[in-house]
Each structure stands twice: as C-alpha cells, then as structure tokens.
Amino acid sequence: MTKDQQEIRRKLRILDHAAASSDVSKTCRYFGIGRASFYRWRHALADRGEAGLANKRSVPHNHPNRTPEAITEKVLHLRREYYRAPICIVGSGQNMVVIPRVFYLRRSADRRELRPL
C-alpha cells in the first residue's frame, strides 16, 4: 500500500467516524485534526470522490514571472562563449534584473561551465 493510499484510508476513517458519531468537534479532537481540515476533506470527498482526498502540491507547476527560456539561453551563451561579466551582458540589451536571477538559478548546474571573472 502506497503512502497516498494510507493517507486516503486515514481520512476516510476520520470521515466515517464523524458520520457515525454525528459530532464533528469530538471527532476532530479525538484524531487531533482541525475542523477546517475535516470540512475541506468532506467537501473534496463529495466533489471528487476518494481521489479528492489524495495529497497534492499547492505550488503551481509554472510560474508567470519566470524568465523565458530563450533569454536564459542567450545570457548563458554570452557568459560561456565570451566570458562576459553581468554588467557587459546588461549592455547587450538584457534586463538588469534578469541577469542575476539567471545566474542564481543556474549556478549549481553550470558552475563548472562558467569560468569566474
């Protein structure tokens, strides 16, 4: 049994206990959960069935403010091929805020490729 299946079974057990006892407050206190979580689980079970009780990430998969890949590749190309400093790359038409962010996000992957100035 996977971890997700165990979590779904635990939530179903809590919801069943509350339905049998008809006292949500005592059930939540007994299992050590908040009532907001209980009602969120109950709503998810009613809307999506057992699949709604599975844990999911709350972080979006894509970020609207992410630097486009074309710009990232251009900045890294200038750095790799011409060993340009960040201030020189800014002079080539790139946004001043983008340059440090690109280096920060790619620093661990490209550390061996980027020669320090």
Protein backbone atom coordinates (compact mmCIF):
# COMPACT_ATOMS: atom_id res chain seq x y z
CA MET A 1 0.00 0.00 0.00
CA THR A 2 1.43 3.35 -1.00
CA LYS A 3 1.72 6.39 1.21
CA ASP A 4 -1.09 8.15 -0.68
CA GLN A 5 -3.41 5.18 -0.22
CA GLN A 6 -2.66 5.11 3.50
CA GLU A 7 -3.44 8.82 3.77
CA ILE A 8 -6.72 8.37 1.90
CA ARG A 9 -7.70 5.48 4.20
CA ARG A 10 -6.89 7.59 7.26
CA LYS A 11 -9.04 10.46 6.02
CA LEU A 12 -11.90 8.09 5.15
CA ARG A 13 -11.70 6.56 8.63
CA ILE A 14 -11.96 10.01 10.19
CA LEU A 15 -14.91 10.97 7.95
CA ASP A 16 -16.69 7.68 8.71
CA HIS A 17 -16.14 8.13 12.44
CA ALA A 18 -17.67 11.61 12.27
CA ALA A 19 -20.67 10.30 10.33
CA ALA A 20 -21.20 7.51 12.88
CA SER A 21 -20.84 9.72 15.93
CA SER A 22 -22.53 12.77 14.34
CA ASP A 23 -20.26 15.05 16.37
CA VAL A 24 -17.55 16.70 14.28
CA SER A 25 -15.90 18.56 17.16
CA LYS A 26 -15.32 15.41 19.22
CA THR A 27 -14.08 13.51 16.18
CA CYS A 28 -11.58 16.23 15.30
CA ARG A 29 -10.40 16.44 18.88
CA TYR A 30 -10.04 12.64 19.08
CA PHE A 31 -7.98 12.39 15.88
CA GLY A 32 -6.05 15.62 16.50
CA ILE A 33 -7.06 17.49 13.36
CA GLY A 34 -8.59 20.88 12.76
CA ARG A 35 -12.24 21.28 11.84
CA ALA A 36 -11.26 23.29 8.77
CA SER A 37 -9.28 20.28 7.51
CA PHE A 38 -12.20 17.98 8.25
CA TYR A 39 -14.66 20.10 6.29
CA ARG A 40 -12.17 20.52 3.44
CA TRP A 41 -11.81 16.71 3.23
CA ARG A 42 -15.57 16.20 3.40
CA HIS A 43 -16.10 18.72 0.59
CA ALA A 44 -13.35 17.09 -1.51
CA LEU A 45 -14.88 13.63 -0.99
CA ALA A 46 -18.32 14.88 -2.04
CA ASP A 47 -16.94 16.64 -5.14
CA ARG A 48 -14.24 14.29 -6.44
CA GLY A 49 -14.66 11.04 -4.53
CA GLU A 50 -11.68 9.27 -2.97
CA ALA A 51 -9.31 10.87 -5.48
CA GLY A 52 -10.11 14.23 -3.88
CA LEU A 53 -8.60 13.05 -0.60
CA ALA A 54 -5.15 12.47 -2.08
CA ASN A 55 -2.44 14.92 -1.03
CA LYS A 56 -1.41 17.28 -3.80
CA ARG A 57 1.08 20.09 -4.19
CA SER A 58 -0.17 23.57 -3.50
CA VAL A 59 2.54 25.17 -5.65
CA PRO A 60 1.74 25.86 -9.30
CA HIS A 61 3.76 23.95 -11.89
CA ASN A 62 4.53 27.02 -13.97
CA HIS A 63 5.27 30.49 -12.72
CA PRO A 64 4.00 33.54 -14.63
CA ASN A 65 7.10 35.64 -13.84
CA ARG A 66 9.59 33.03 -14.99
CA THR A 67 12.33 34.25 -17.32
CA PRO A 68 11.67 32.90 -20.83
CA GLU A 69 13.98 30.07 -21.86
CA ALA A 70 15.23 31.98 -24.92
CA ILE A 71 16.51 34.85 -22.76
CA THR A 72 18.07 32.44 -20.26
CA GLU A 73 19.90 30.63 -23.03
CA LYS A 74 21.09 33.92 -24.57
CA VAL A 75 22.51 35.15 -21.25
CA LEU A 76 24.26 31.84 -20.57
CA HIS A 77 25.59 31.74 -24.13
CA LEU A 78 27.15 35.21 -23.73
CA ARG A 79 28.67 34.13 -20.43
CA ARG A 80 30.04 30.80 -21.72
CA GLU A 81 31.31 31.84 -25.13
CA TYR A 82 32.58 35.36 -24.48
CA TYR A 83 33.16 35.20 -20.70
CA ARG A 84 31.18 38.38 -20.31
CA ALA A 85 30.59 39.90 -16.90
CA PRO A 86 26.97 40.52 -15.85
CA ILE A 87 27.35 44.28 -16.44
CA CYS A 88 28.54 43.66 -20.02
CA ILE A 89 25.60 41.37 -20.66
CA VAL A 90 23.27 44.12 -19.49
CA GLY A 91 24.91 46.35 -22.10
CA SER A 92 23.92 43.83 -24.78
CA GLY A 93 20.24 44.65 -24.31
CA GLN A 94 19.12 42.37 -21.47
CA ASN A 95 17.12 43.49 -18.45
CA MET A 96 19.30 44.22 -15.41
CA VAL A 97 17.04 42.20 -13.08
CA VAL A 98 17.09 39.09 -15.27
CA ILE A 99 20.87 38.59 -15.31
CA PRO A 100 21.48 37.88 -11.59
CA ARG A 101 18.37 35.70 -11.43
CA VAL A 102 19.57 33.58 -14.35
CA PHE A 103 22.99 33.13 -12.75
CA TYR A 104 21.42 32.34 -9.37
CA LEU A 105 19.01 29.73 -10.75
CA ARG A 106 21.62 28.09 -12.94
CA ARG A 107 24.62 28.42 -10.62
CA SER A 108 24.74 24.84 -9.40
CA ALA A 109 24.15 23.21 -12.79
CA ASP A 110 26.53 25.47 -14.72
CA ARG A 111 29.19 26.09 -12.09
CA ARG A 112 31.80 24.03 -13.93
CA GLU A 113 30.97 25.56 -17.31
CA LEU A 114 31.02 29.21 -16.27
CA ARG A 115 34.53 30.49 -15.78
CA PRO A 116 34.76 33.07 -12.97
CA LEU A 117 35.86 36.57 -13.87
